[in-house]
Amino acid sequence: MQNATVTNIFWGLFLLWFGVVAAYMRGDFGTTINSPVFAIGTGVLLLWLNLVRSLLRLRLSIMTIGLGALVTGANIIVLWLNFTIPFLPELLMIAGLALVIGAFRTRNFQTF
């Protein structure tokens, strides 16, 4: 199985997870995205993605491992201690931007 196939499967699982949580929240996407339960599930999916990659002897992604651990751990703290983590959204945006920039730097894109 190729890495792209595994990634696509987990994107599908992520969309299913998002839909289930959104349906539970009665379609209120703002509440869904801000839900610690949604964030913990998303973090767990990212960690499982790399576990499956490891079992299939595919290349692991340090970024998704770190992001999964950060999102899961941070939101467990939020749920258990009713504690907020300053700048967590900004850290996630920086991580996302790093992924996008990294993708452009490592690929040979052809211009039309």
Protein backbone atom coordinates (compact mmCIF):
# COMPACT_ATOMS: atom_id res chain seq x y z
CA MET A 1 0.00 0.00 0.00
CA GLN A 2 1.33 3.44 -0.89
CA ASN A 3 1.67 6.38 1.47
CA ALA A 4 -0.80 8.43 -0.60
CA THR A 5 -3.44 5.69 -0.23
CA VAL A 6 -3.02 5.61 3.56
CA THR A 7 -3.19 9.41 3.69
CA ASN A 8 -6.39 9.45 1.60
CA ILE A 9 -7.99 6.84 3.87
CA PHE A 10 -7.26 8.97 6.91
CA TRP A 11 -8.55 12.12 5.18
CA GLY A 12 -11.77 10.19 4.63
CA LEU A 13 -11.84 9.16 8.29
CA PHE A 14 -11.24 12.78 9.29
CA LEU A 15 -14.19 13.96 7.19
CA LEU A 16 -16.36 11.23 8.67
CA TRP A 17 -15.28 12.27 12.18
CA PHE A 18 -16.04 15.91 11.39
CA GLY A 19 -19.48 14.97 10.05
CA VAL A 20 -20.33 12.84 13.08
CA VAL A 21 -19.33 15.54 15.56
CA ALA A 22 -21.09 18.24 13.51
CA ALA A 23 -24.25 16.13 13.40
CA TYR A 24 -24.07 15.63 17.15
CA MET A 25 -23.66 19.40 17.57
CA ARG A 26 -26.74 19.87 15.35
CA GLY A 27 -24.78 21.29 12.42
CA ASP A 28 -23.22 24.14 14.36
CA PHE A 29 -19.79 24.08 12.71
CA GLY A 30 -18.36 26.81 14.92
CA THR A 31 -19.12 24.78 18.02
CA THR A 32 -17.86 21.62 16.32
CA ILE A 33 -14.48 23.08 15.43
CA ASN A 34 -14.05 24.58 18.89
CA SER A 35 -15.07 21.34 20.63
CA PRO A 36 -12.27 19.68 22.63
CA VAL A 37 -13.81 16.30 21.77
CA PHE A 38 -13.44 17.06 18.05
CA ALA A 39 -9.85 18.18 18.57
CA ILE A 40 -8.93 15.10 20.60
CA GLY A 41 -10.42 12.82 17.92
CA THR A 42 -8.52 14.70 15.22
CA GLY A 43 -5.27 14.39 17.16
CA VAL A 44 -5.84 10.68 17.69
CA LEU A 45 -6.49 10.23 13.95
CA LEU A 46 -3.16 11.92 13.18
CA LEU A 47 -1.34 9.65 15.62
CA TRP A 48 -3.08 6.55 14.23
CA LEU A 49 -2.12 7.62 10.70
CA ASN A 50 1.52 7.39 11.65
CA LEU A 51 1.02 4.12 13.53
CA VAL A 52 -0.45 2.60 10.36
CA ARG A 53 2.41 4.07 8.32
CA SER A 54 4.86 2.50 10.75
CA LEU A 55 3.17 -0.91 10.58
CA LEU A 56 3.22 -0.76 6.77
CA ARG A 57 6.86 0.39 6.83
CA LEU A 58 6.04 3.68 5.11
CA ARG A 59 7.70 7.02 5.73
CA LEU A 60 6.46 8.67 8.93
CA SER A 61 5.59 12.35 9.14
CA ILE A 62 7.18 14.11 12.10
CA MET A 63 4.82 17.03 11.50
CA THR A 64 1.63 14.98 11.85
CA ILE A 65 3.04 13.09 14.84
CA GLY A 66 3.85 16.39 16.59
CA LEU A 67 0.58 17.98 15.57
CA GLY A 68 -1.42 14.95 16.71
CA ALA A 69 0.36 14.90 20.06
CA LEU A 70 -0.03 18.68 20.50
CA VAL A 71 -3.73 18.76 19.62
CA THR A 72 -4.59 15.67 21.66
CA GLY A 73 -2.54 16.62 24.70
CA ALA A 74 -3.59 20.25 24.72
CA ASN A 75 -7.27 19.42 24.52
CA ILE A 76 -7.08 16.72 27.18
CA ILE A 77 -5.63 19.43 29.44
CA VAL A 78 -8.47 21.77 28.42
CA LEU A 79 -11.10 19.13 29.25
CA TRP A 80 -9.65 17.85 32.52
CA LEU A 81 -8.35 21.04 34.05
CA ASN A 82 -10.69 23.55 32.42
CA PHE A 83 -7.51 25.37 31.46
CA THR A 84 -6.95 27.38 28.31
CA ILE A 85 -3.73 27.26 26.33
CA PRO A 86 -2.80 30.69 24.99
CA PHE A 87 -1.80 30.90 21.34
CA LEU A 88 -2.86 27.30 20.51
CA PRO A 89 -4.78 28.38 17.38
CA GLU A 90 -1.80 30.44 16.26
CA LEU A 91 0.55 27.49 16.80
CA LEU A 92 -1.72 25.29 14.71
CA MET A 93 -1.83 27.91 11.93
CA ILE A 94 1.98 28.14 11.96
CA ALA A 95 2.20 24.35 11.72
CA GLY A 96 -0.22 24.37 8.78
CA LEU A 97 1.72 27.11 7.04
CA ALA A 98 4.94 25.15 7.56
CA LEU A 99 3.32 22.14 5.89
CA VAL A 100 2.23 24.17 2.88
CA ILE A 101 5.61 25.87 2.47
CA GLY A 102 7.39 22.54 2.91
CA ALA A 103 5.24 20.96 0.21
CA PHE A 104 6.12 23.72 -2.26
CA ARG A 105 9.83 23.55 -1.42
CA THR A 106 10.15 19.79 -1.85
CA ARG A 107 8.18 19.32 -5.07
CA ASN A 108 9.05 20.25 -8.61
CA PHE A 109 5.99 22.17 -9.73
CA GLN A 110 5.63 22.88 -13.40
CA THR A 111 4.14 26.16 -14.49
CA PHE A 112 1.86 26.35 -17.49
